[in-house]
Amino acid sequence: MDRAAMVAPETPVSPLVTLATGYGDARMRSWCQALFAFDAQMAGIVLQAREPMLAQIRLQWWHDVIAKPAAERPSANPALAALLPLEAQGLALPEALGPVIRGWEAALEAEDAEAVAEFAAGRGALFAAFCALDCGADRAALAQAGRAWALWDMLRFHRRTPVLDAAMAGIDTPALKRIALPRRLRPLAIITRAVQLDIASGRMDRPWGSPGVFARLVWHGLTGR
């Protein structure tokens, strides 16, 4: 496949991810930047695709390329290049990011409830990838937070459908609030807190990101409360 086929139109990360990343240490920032950039690359493939079949071909290319040894991957792709240091630190790309690719593939059928559930679980596995940092994080808690973020981010910043709304309504927000992540994972804690606050507000039909919301997230970033 040629370069034009493998590189998706850019879909930037959300302002929330940008804010949260700043509250990690240097290593955590590099992990956040690389993993969320990878997610944005998958989002670009799916959300800007005119033909689902072409999106599936591109996603399959990514499935194949992350399974190859590093020396055999395209060196000019910035998303792949950013993953190399993480891989050197113990991140197994096929196991960690394969589910994310499959999740975005399921998003091609966003009007189907089962596909939306697969999307949330697959894309949400991005959070579980941070377990490779070996910081004592609970994988189940990260998966739960990741699923909620995957749906919320899709609905808030990309696409809204009745099926996505129904999936969001099924999120256990009290359980989300009880999730406690290690200090090292403060950026993910901020994202989880933002999702929980937004759902609890009952104002998902209004633009996100008021000064009050940002102030609470900054406080959470500084104190963990």
C-alpha atoms as a PDB file:
ATOM      1  CA  MET A   1       0.000   0.000   0.000  1.00  0.00           C
ATOM      2  CA  ASP A   2       1.374   3.431  -0.897  1.00  0.00           C
ATOM      3  CA  ARG A   3       1.973   6.298   1.509  1.00  0.00           C
ATOM      4  CA  ALA A   4      -1.229   8.133   0.543  1.00  0.00           C
ATOM      5  CA  ALA A   5      -3.260   5.088   1.493  1.00  0.00           C
ATOM      6  CA  MET A   6      -1.593   4.482   4.828  1.00  0.00           C
ATOM      7  CA  VAL A   7      -1.675   8.079   6.158  1.00  0.00           C
ATOM      8  CA  ALA A   8      -5.102   9.255   7.286  1.00  0.00           C
ATOM      9  CA  PRO A   9      -6.235  12.879   7.355  1.00  0.00           C
ATOM     10  CA  GLU A  10      -5.214  14.384  10.670  1.00  0.00           C
ATOM     11  CA  THR A  11      -7.769  14.279  13.481  1.00  0.00           C
ATOM     12  CA  PRO A  12      -6.353  16.257  16.404  1.00  0.00           C
ATOM     13  CA  VAL A  13      -6.661  15.057  19.970  1.00  0.00           C
ATOM     14  CA  SER A  14      -9.279  16.754  22.091  1.00  0.00           C
ATOM     15  CA  PRO A  15      -8.535  19.831  24.232  1.00  0.00           C
ATOM     16  CA  LEU A  16      -9.110  17.632  27.283  1.00  0.00           C
ATOM     17  CA  VAL A  17      -6.310  15.244  26.322  1.00  0.00           C
ATOM     18  CA  THR A  18      -3.998  18.191  25.655  1.00  0.00           C
ATOM     19  CA  LEU A  19      -4.772  19.661  29.090  1.00  0.00           C
ATOM     20  CA  ALA A  20      -4.453  16.346  30.925  1.00  0.00           C
ATOM     21  CA  THR A  21      -1.154  15.375  29.310  1.00  0.00           C
ATOM     22  CA  GLY A  22       0.539  18.380  30.897  1.00  0.00           C
ATOM     23  CA  TYR A  23       0.032  16.901  34.362  1.00  0.00           C
ATOM     24  CA  GLY A  24       2.219  13.869  33.749  1.00  0.00           C
ATOM     25  CA  ASP A  25       5.941  13.489  34.299  1.00  0.00           C
ATOM     26  CA  ALA A  26       8.206  13.458  31.235  1.00  0.00           C
ATOM     27  CA  ARG A  27       7.798   9.734  30.638  1.00  0.00           C
ATOM     28  CA  MET A  28       4.030   9.852  31.056  1.00  0.00           C
ATOM     29  CA  ARG A  29       3.763  12.824  28.702  1.00  0.00           C
ATOM     30  CA  SER A  30       5.626  10.923  25.999  1.00  0.00           C
ATOM     31  CA  TRP A  31       3.310   7.929  26.454  1.00  0.00           C
ATOM     32  CA  CYS A  32       0.203  10.114  26.337  1.00  0.00           C
ATOM     33  CA  GLN A  33       1.386  11.966  23.255  1.00  0.00           C
ATOM     34  CA  ALA A  34       2.258   8.768  21.384  1.00  0.00           C
ATOM     35  CA  LEU A  35      -0.790   6.712  22.322  1.00  0.00           C
ATOM     36  CA  PHE A  36      -3.370   9.430  21.855  1.00  0.00           C
ATOM     37  CA  ALA A  37      -1.730  10.394  18.548  1.00  0.00           C
ATOM     38  CA  PHE A  38      -2.124   6.774  17.472  1.00  0.00           C
ATOM     39  CA  ASP A  39      -5.798   6.904  18.458  1.00  0.00           C
ATOM     40  CA  ALA A  40      -6.182  10.144  16.486  1.00  0.00           C
ATOM     41  CA  GLN A  41      -4.679   8.445  13.456  1.00  0.00           C
ATOM     42  CA  MET A  42      -7.289   5.667  13.703  1.00  0.00           C
ATOM     43  CA  ALA A  43     -10.025   8.250  14.215  1.00  0.00           C
ATOM     44  CA  GLY A  44      -8.967  10.048  11.053  1.00  0.00           C
ATOM     45  CA  ILE A  45      -9.192   6.842   9.063  1.00  0.00           C
ATOM     46  CA  VAL A  46     -12.732   6.096  10.208  1.00  0.00           C
ATOM     47  CA  LEU A  47     -14.346   9.483  10.714  1.00  0.00           C
ATOM     48  CA  GLN A  48     -13.125  11.023   7.468  1.00  0.00           C
ATOM     49  CA  ALA A  49     -13.574   7.951   5.280  1.00  0.00           C
ATOM     50  CA  ARG A  50     -15.878   8.311   2.289  1.00  0.00           C
ATOM     51  CA  GLU A  51     -15.886   4.567   1.686  1.00  0.00           C
ATOM     52  CA  PRO A  52     -16.016   2.092   4.621  1.00  0.00           C
ATOM     53  CA  MET A  53     -14.127  -0.469   2.551  1.00  0.00           C
ATOM     54  CA  LEU A  54     -11.186   1.914   2.141  1.00  0.00           C
ATOM     55  CA  ALA A  55     -11.189   2.563   5.886  1.00  0.00           C
ATOM     56  CA  GLN A  56     -11.116  -1.187   6.542  1.00  0.00           C
ATOM     57  CA  ILE A  57      -8.136  -1.584   4.202  1.00  0.00           C
ATOM     58  CA  ARG A  58      -6.252   1.174   5.997  1.00  0.00           C
ATOM     59  CA  LEU A  59      -7.041  -0.276   9.403  1.00  0.00           C
ATOM     60  CA  GLN A  60      -5.855  -3.691   8.260  1.00  0.00           C
ATOM     61  CA  TRP A  61      -2.600  -2.082   7.121  1.00  0.00           C
ATOM     62  CA  TRP A  62      -2.125  -0.808  10.664  1.00  0.00           C
ATOM     63  CA  HIS A  63      -2.929  -4.240  12.096  1.00  0.00           C
ATOM     64  CA  ASP A  64      -0.234  -5.716   9.894  1.00  0.00           C
ATOM     65  CA  VAL A  65       2.404  -3.038  10.379  1.00  0.00           C
ATOM     66  CA  ILE A  66       2.382  -2.981  14.205  1.00  0.00           C
ATOM     67  CA  ALA A  67       2.935  -6.751  14.147  1.00  0.00           C
ATOM     68  CA  LYS A  68       6.160  -6.339  12.160  1.00  0.00           C
ATOM     69  CA  PRO A  69       9.610  -5.887  13.717  1.00  0.00           C
ATOM     70  CA  ALA A  70      10.458  -2.207  14.146  1.00  0.00           C
ATOM     71  CA  ALA A  71      13.108  -2.338  11.428  1.00  0.00           C
ATOM     72  CA  GLU A  72      10.509  -3.399   8.858  1.00  0.00           C
ATOM     73  CA  ARG A  73       8.016  -0.600   9.538  1.00  0.00           C
ATOM     74  CA  PRO A  74       7.805   2.642   7.515  1.00  0.00           C
ATOM     75  CA  SER A  75      10.212   5.060   9.164  1.00  0.00           C
ATOM     76  CA  ALA A  76       8.511   8.206   7.843  1.00  0.00           C
ATOM     77  CA  ASN A  77       5.210   7.712   9.664  1.00  0.00           C
ATOM     78  CA  PRO A  78       5.236   9.987  12.747  1.00  0.00           C
ATOM     79  CA  ALA A  79       2.645   7.949  14.653  1.00  0.00           C
ATOM     80  CA  LEU A  80       4.763   4.822  14.269  1.00  0.00           C
ATOM     81  CA  ALA A  81       7.974   6.675  15.114  1.00  0.00           C
ATOM     82  CA  ALA A  82       6.452   8.005  18.345  1.00  0.00           C
ATOM     83  CA  LEU A  83       5.640   4.452  19.444  1.00  0.00           C
ATOM     84  CA  LEU A  84       9.229   3.198  19.193  1.00  0.00           C
ATOM     85  CA  PRO A  85      10.385   4.512  22.616  1.00  0.00           C
ATOM     86  CA  LEU A  86       7.286   3.031  24.246  1.00  0.00           C
ATOM     87  CA  GLU A  87       7.984  -0.309  22.637  1.00  0.00           C
ATOM     88  CA  ALA A  88      11.554  -0.151  23.938  1.00  0.00           C
ATOM     89  CA  GLN A  89      10.105   0.373  27.430  1.00  0.00           C
ATOM     90  CA  GLY A  90       7.991  -2.772  27.242  1.00  0.00           C
ATOM     91  CA  LEU A  91       4.813  -1.891  25.330  1.00  0.00           C
ATOM     92  CA  ALA A  92       3.767  -4.814  23.102  1.00  0.00           C
ATOM     93  CA  LEU A  93       2.142  -3.049  20.169  1.00  0.00           C
ATOM     94  CA  PRO A  94      -0.034  -5.875  18.757  1.00  0.00           C
ATOM     95  CA  GLU A  95      -1.464  -6.756  22.177  1.00  0.00           C
ATOM     96  CA  ALA A  96      -1.905  -3.154  23.352  1.00  0.00           C
ATOM     97  CA  LEU A  97      -3.049  -1.443  20.164  1.00  0.00           C
ATOM     98  CA  GLY A  98      -4.636  -4.245  18.163  1.00  0.00           C
ATOM     99  CA  PRO A  99      -7.861  -3.899  20.218  1.00  0.00           C
ATOM    100  CA  VAL A 100      -7.864  -0.126  19.562  1.00  0.00           C
ATOM    101  CA  ILE A 101      -7.752  -0.724  15.810  1.00  0.00           C
ATOM    102  CA  ARG A 102     -10.542  -3.290  16.060  1.00  0.00           C
ATOM    103  CA  GLY A 103     -12.578  -0.838  18.121  1.00  0.00           C
ATOM    104  CA  TRP A 104     -12.318   1.819  15.443  1.00  0.00           C
ATOM    105  CA  GLU A 105     -13.242  -0.757  12.828  1.00  0.00           C
ATOM    106  CA  ALA A 106     -16.439  -1.434  14.789  1.00  0.00           C
ATOM    107  CA  ALA A 107     -17.153   2.318  14.726  1.00  0.00           C
ATOM    108  CA  LEU A 108     -17.793   2.015  11.001  1.00  0.00           C
ATOM    109  CA  GLU A 109     -21.179   0.612  12.080  1.00  0.00           C
ATOM    110  CA  ALA A 110     -22.044   3.286  14.645  1.00  0.00           C
ATOM    111  CA  GLU A 111     -25.792   2.721  14.253  1.00  0.00           C
ATOM    112  CA  ASP A 112     -25.525  -0.815  15.663  1.00  0.00           C
ATOM    113  CA  ALA A 113     -25.597  -1.232  19.446  1.00  0.00           C
ATOM    114  CA  GLU A 114     -23.323  -4.271  19.473  1.00  0.00           C
ATOM    115  CA  ALA A 115     -20.797  -2.496  17.249  1.00  0.00           C
ATOM    116  CA  VAL A 116     -20.843   0.551  19.544  1.00  0.00           C
ATOM    117  CA  ALA A 117     -20.127  -1.693  22.536  1.00  0.00           C
ATOM    118  CA  GLU A 118     -17.218  -3.237  20.620  1.00  0.00           C
ATOM    119  CA  PHE A 119     -15.981   0.235  19.744  1.00  0.00           C
ATOM    120  CA  ALA A 120     -16.052   1.373  23.376  1.00  0.00           C
ATOM    121  CA  ALA A 121     -14.217  -1.708  24.632  1.00  0.00           C
ATOM    122  CA  GLY A 122     -11.661  -1.663  21.819  1.00  0.00           C
ATOM    123  CA  ARG A 123     -10.870   2.028  21.770  1.00  0.00           C
ATOM    124  CA  GLY A 124     -11.025   2.102  25.552  1.00  0.00           C
ATOM    125  CA  ALA A 125      -8.210  -0.469  25.640  1.00  0.00           C
ATOM    126  CA  LEU A 126      -5.921   2.492  24.944  1.00  0.00           C
ATOM    127  CA  PHE A 127      -6.086   3.235  28.688  1.00  0.00           C
ATOM    128  CA  ALA A 128      -5.100  -0.337  29.581  1.00  0.00           C
ATOM    129  CA  ALA A 129      -1.974   0.074  27.438  1.00  0.00           C
ATOM    130  CA  PHE A 130      -0.599   2.267  30.231  1.00  0.00           C
ATOM    131  CA  CYS A 131      -0.333  -0.841  32.431  1.00  0.00           C
ATOM    132  CA  ALA A 132       2.981  -1.428  30.660  1.00  0.00           C
ATOM    133  CA  LEU A 133       4.365   1.460  32.733  1.00  0.00           C
ATOM    134  CA  ASP A 134       4.245  -0.942  35.714  1.00  0.00           C
ATOM    135  CA  CYS A 135       2.927   1.689  38.111  1.00  0.00           C
ATOM    136  CA  GLY A 136       0.469  -0.486  40.011  1.00  0.00           C
ATOM    137  CA  ALA A 137      -2.608   0.460  38.003  1.00  0.00           C
ATOM    138  CA  ASP A 138      -5.618  -1.837  38.055  1.00  0.00           C
ATOM    139  CA  ARG A 139      -6.253  -3.046  34.502  1.00  0.00           C
ATOM    140  CA  ALA A 140     -10.000  -3.474  35.063  1.00  0.00           C
ATOM    141  CA  ALA A 141     -10.314   0.092  36.354  1.00  0.00           C
ATOM    142  CA  LEU A 142      -8.371   1.430  33.385  1.00  0.00           C
ATOM    143  CA  ALA A 143     -10.557  -0.558  30.995  1.00  0.00           C
ATOM    144  CA  GLN A 144     -13.695   0.818  32.642  1.00  0.00           C
ATOM    145  CA  ALA A 145     -12.422   4.386  32.455  1.00  0.00           C
ATOM    146  CA  GLY A 146     -11.272   3.839  28.887  1.00  0.00           C
ATOM    147  CA  ARG A 147     -14.679   2.618  27.745  1.00  0.00           C
ATOM    148  CA  ALA A 148     -16.378   5.662  29.219  1.00  0.00           C
ATOM    149  CA  TRP A 149     -13.849   8.035  27.640  1.00  0.00           C
ATOM    150  CA  ALA A 150     -14.105   6.315  24.247  1.00  0.00           C
ATOM    151  CA  LEU A 151     -17.858   6.888  24.085  1.00  0.00           C
ATOM    152  CA  TRP A 152     -17.786  10.341  25.614  1.00  0.00           C
ATOM    153  CA  ASP A 153     -15.039  11.641  23.341  1.00  0.00           C
ATOM    154  CA  MET A 154     -16.775  10.270  20.254  1.00  0.00           C
ATOM    155  CA  LEU A 155     -20.076  11.848  21.231  1.00  0.00           C
ATOM    156  CA  ARG A 156     -18.632  15.154  22.412  1.00  0.00           C
ATOM    157  CA  PHE A 157     -16.122  15.870  19.661  1.00  0.00           C
ATOM    158  CA  HIS A 158     -16.906  13.719  16.645  1.00  0.00           C
ATOM    159  CA  ARG A 159     -20.303  12.134  16.111  1.00  0.00           C
ATOM    160  CA  ARG A 160     -23.616  11.857  17.917  1.00  0.00           C
ATOM    161  CA  THR A 161     -26.176   9.121  17.223  1.00  0.00           C
ATOM    162  CA  PRO A 162     -29.094   7.678  19.223  1.00  0.00           C
ATOM    163  CA  VAL A 163     -27.107   4.453  19.697  1.00  0.00           C
ATOM    164  CA  LEU A 164     -24.146   6.364  21.134  1.00  0.00           C
ATOM    165  CA  ASP A 165     -26.516   8.315  23.405  1.00  0.00           C
ATOM    166  CA  ALA A 166     -27.995   5.043  24.656  1.00  0.00           C
ATOM    167  CA  ALA A 167     -24.539   3.622  25.325  1.00  0.00           C
ATOM    168  CA  MET A 168     -23.578   6.747  27.254  1.00  0.00           C
ATOM    169  CA  ALA A 169     -26.734   6.450  29.353  1.00  0.00           C
ATOM    170  CA  GLY A 170     -25.576   2.989  30.413  1.00  0.00           C
ATOM    171  CA  ILE A 171     -22.320   4.225  31.959  1.00  0.00           C
ATOM    172  CA  ASP A 172     -22.130   3.687  35.729  1.00  0.00           C
ATOM    173  CA  THR A 173     -21.085   7.200  36.767  1.00  0.00           C
ATOM    174  CA  PRO A 174     -20.840   6.470  40.536  1.00  0.00           C
ATOM    175  CA  ALA A 175     -18.448   3.617  39.733  1.00  0.00           C
ATOM    176  CA  LEU A 176     -16.516   5.926  37.438  1.00  0.00           C
ATOM    177  CA  LYS A 177     -16.155   8.440  40.271  1.00  0.00           C
ATOM    178  CA  ARG A 178     -14.760   5.729  42.580  1.00  0.00           C
ATOM    179  CA  ILE A 179     -11.892   4.849  40.240  1.00  0.00           C
ATOM    180  CA  ALA A 180      -8.576   5.748  41.871  1.00  0.00           C
ATOM    181  CA  LEU A 181      -5.500   5.752  39.659  1.00  0.00           C
ATOM    182  CA  PRO A 182      -1.838   5.992  40.710  1.00  0.00           C
ATOM    183  CA  ARG A 183      -0.206   9.429  40.752  1.00  0.00           C
ATOM    184  CA  ARG A 184       1.845   8.481  37.685  1.00  0.00           C
ATOM    185  CA  LEU A 185      -1.407   8.200  35.726  1.00  0.00           C
ATOM    186  CA  ARG A 186      -2.745  11.613  36.740  1.00  0.00           C
ATOM    187  CA  PRO A 187      -3.469  12.557  33.078  1.00  0.00           C
ATOM    188  CA  LEU A 188      -5.832   9.592  32.766  1.00  0.00           C
ATOM    189  CA  ALA A 189      -7.391  10.474  36.125  1.00  0.00           C
ATOM    190  CA  ILE A 190      -8.116  13.987  34.822  1.00  0.00           C
ATOM    191  CA  ILE A 191      -9.753  12.595  31.696  1.00  0.00           C
ATOM    192  CA  THR A 192     -11.833  10.175  33.766  1.00  0.00           C
ATOM    193  CA  ARG A 193     -12.860  12.975  36.106  1.00  0.00           C
ATOM    194  CA  ALA A 194     -13.897  15.163  33.167  1.00  0.00           C
ATOM    195  CA  VAL A 195     -16.081  12.406  31.730  1.00  0.00           C
ATOM    196  CA  GLN A 196     -17.702  11.740  35.104  1.00  0.00           C
ATOM    197  CA  LEU A 197     -18.404  15.428  35.743  1.00  0.00           C
ATOM    198  CA  ASP A 198     -19.863  15.974  32.292  1.00  0.00           C
ATOM    199  CA  ILE A 199     -22.206  12.998  32.489  1.00  0.00           C
ATOM    200  CA  ALA A 200     -23.275  13.933  36.016  1.00  0.00           C
ATOM    201  CA  SER A 201     -24.064  17.501  34.921  1.00  0.00           C
ATOM    202  CA  GLY A 202     -26.802  16.265  32.593  1.00  0.00           C
ATOM    203  CA  ARG A 203     -25.783  18.910  30.046  1.00  0.00           C
ATOM    204  CA  MET A 204     -24.365  16.793  27.276  1.00  0.00           C
ATOM    205  CA  ASP A 205     -26.358  18.841  24.770  1.00  0.00           C
ATOM    206  CA  ARG A 206     -24.343  21.989  25.579  1.00  0.00           C
ATOM    207  CA  PRO A 207     -20.793  22.842  24.421  1.00  0.00           C
ATOM    208  CA  TRP A 208     -18.117  21.330  26.639  1.00  0.00           C
ATOM    209  CA  GLY A 209     -15.319  23.255  28.314  1.00  0.00           C
ATOM    210  CA  SER A 210     -16.605  26.081  30.499  1.00  0.00           C
ATOM    211  CA  PRO A 211     -14.093  27.968  32.696  1.00  0.00           C
ATOM    212  CA  GLY A 212     -15.603  26.256  35.730  1.00  0.00           C
ATOM    213  CA  VAL A 213     -14.971  22.817  34.280  1.00  0.00           C
ATOM    214  CA  PHE A 214     -11.374  23.643  33.423  1.00  0.00           C
ATOM    215  CA  ALA A 215     -10.821  25.061  36.928  1.00  0.00           C
ATOM    216  CA  ARG A 216     -12.041  21.809  38.515  1.00  0.00           C
ATOM    217  CA  LEU A 217      -9.850  19.745  36.238  1.00  0.00           C
ATOM    218  CA  VAL A 218      -6.794  21.875  36.967  1.00  0.00           C
ATOM    219  CA  TRP A 219      -7.464  21.430  40.684  1.00  0.00           C
ATOM    220  CA  HIS A 220      -7.784  17.690  40.203  1.00  0.00           C
ATOM    221  CA  GLY A 221      -4.519  17.709  38.250  1.00  0.00           C
ATOM    222  CA  LEU A 222      -2.746  19.483  41.088  1.00  0.00           C
ATOM    223  CA  THR A 223      -4.279  17.642  44.045  1.00  0.00           C
ATOM    224  CA  GLY A 224      -5.922  14.468  42.787  1.00  0.00           C
ATOM    225  CA  ARG A 225      -9.178  15.601  44.416  1.00  0.00           C
END
